[in-house]
Amino acid sequence: MPSAGYLKRVKDVCVKHNVLLVADEVQTGFGRTGKLMGCDHDFDGTGTKPDILVLAKSISGGFMPSSGIVADDHVMENMKIGE
């Protein structure tokens, strides 16, 4: 686990340089680390969150290969179907 505040500092750098912060929660999402998402250990309660969450596997309960992303409007409004 990164030290406390690490992801918040990464998010600050991303905002400063106009870069999206992508959290890959394929292995750490849906409660596997004790929080809903692994990044919640650092972002929880700070009002800061990744711009994109990458999810897979547990979306289908492990029965079918699946993946997806969750993102803020400012990201999703700039994507086209299939991207």
Protein backbone atom coordinates (compact mmCIF):
# COMPACT_ATOMS: atom_id res chain seq x y z
CA MET A 1 0.00 0.00 0.00
CA PRO A 2 1.29 3.47 -0.76
CA SER A 3 1.91 5.75 2.20
CA ALA A 4 -0.98 7.88 3.43
CA GLY A 5 -1.57 10.89 1.17
CA TYR A 6 0.36 9.46 -1.78
CA LEU A 7 -2.58 9.22 -4.16
CA LYS A 8 -3.79 12.69 -3.14
CA ARG A 9 -0.37 14.09 -4.08
CA VAL A 10 -0.46 12.18 -7.39
CA LYS A 11 -3.92 13.65 -8.10
CA ASP A 12 -2.60 17.16 -7.36
CA VAL A 13 0.23 16.65 -9.89
CA CYS A 14 -2.24 15.34 -12.47
CA VAL A 15 -4.50 18.37 -12.01
CA LYS A 16 -1.53 20.72 -12.25
CA HIS A 17 -0.41 19.20 -15.56
CA ASN A 18 -3.91 18.49 -16.97
CA VAL A 19 -3.44 14.71 -16.91
CA LEU A 20 -6.13 12.16 -16.07
CA LEU A 21 -5.58 9.95 -13.05
CA VAL A 22 -6.53 6.35 -13.90
CA ALA A 23 -6.91 3.86 -11.05
CA ASP A 24 -6.63 0.23 -12.14
CA GLU A 25 -8.93 -1.62 -9.73
CA VAL A 26 -8.94 -4.93 -11.62
CA GLN A 27 -7.24 -6.73 -8.72
CA THR A 28 -8.14 -4.38 -5.87
CA GLY A 29 -11.76 -3.38 -6.50
CA PHE A 30 -15.05 -4.46 -4.98
CA GLY A 31 -13.94 -4.95 -1.40
CA ARG A 32 -10.81 -7.02 -1.88
CA THR A 33 -8.77 -4.62 0.26
CA GLY A 34 -11.38 -3.86 2.91
CA LYS A 35 -12.80 -0.80 1.12
CA LEU A 36 -15.06 -0.73 -1.94
CA MET A 37 -12.10 0.29 -4.12
CA GLY A 38 -8.42 0.03 -3.24
CA CYS A 39 -7.86 3.73 -3.88
CA ASP A 40 -10.51 4.52 -1.24
CA HIS A 41 -7.89 3.83 1.43
CA ASP A 42 -6.22 7.10 0.46
CA PHE A 43 -9.04 9.11 -1.10
CA ASP A 44 -11.77 8.17 1.38
CA GLY A 45 -13.28 11.32 2.88
CA THR A 46 -10.95 13.72 1.07
CA GLY A 47 -13.33 14.54 -1.78
CA THR A 48 -10.58 13.52 -4.18
CA LYS A 49 -11.01 10.61 -6.57
CA PRO A 50 -9.49 9.22 -9.77
CA ASP A 51 -10.82 10.48 -13.09
CA ILE A 52 -11.19 6.91 -14.37
CA LEU A 53 -11.62 3.61 -12.51
CA VAL A 54 -10.77 0.47 -14.50
CA LEU A 55 -12.85 -2.50 -13.37
CA ALA A 56 -13.01 -6.14 -14.40
CA LYS A 57 -13.48 -9.71 -13.20
CA SER A 58 -15.72 -9.13 -10.22
CA ILE A 59 -18.24 -7.13 -12.29
CA SER A 60 -19.70 -10.47 -13.34
CA GLY A 61 -19.00 -12.26 -10.09
CA GLY A 62 -16.22 -14.15 -11.81
CA PHE A 63 -18.60 -16.08 -14.09
CA MET A 64 -17.90 -14.30 -17.36
CA PRO A 65 -14.92 -12.32 -18.59
CA SER A 66 -15.92 -8.69 -18.40
CA SER A 67 -14.39 -5.30 -17.92
CA GLY A 68 -15.38 -1.69 -17.90
CA ILE A 69 -14.57 1.77 -16.73
CA VAL A 70 -16.27 4.28 -14.51
CA ALA A 71 -15.43 7.93 -15.15
CA ASP A 72 -16.56 11.47 -14.49
CA ASP A 73 -18.69 13.34 -17.01
CA HIS A 74 -15.73 15.42 -18.24
CA VAL A 75 -14.13 12.16 -19.41
CA MET A 76 -17.16 10.24 -20.63
CA GLU A 77 -18.57 13.16 -22.64
CA ASN A 78 -15.43 13.09 -24.77
CA MET A 79 -15.56 9.36 -25.58
CA LYS A 80 -17.37 7.75 -28.46
CA ILE A 81 -19.04 4.32 -28.47
CA GLY A 82 -16.38 1.62 -28.64
CA GLU A 83 -13.50 3.71 -27.32
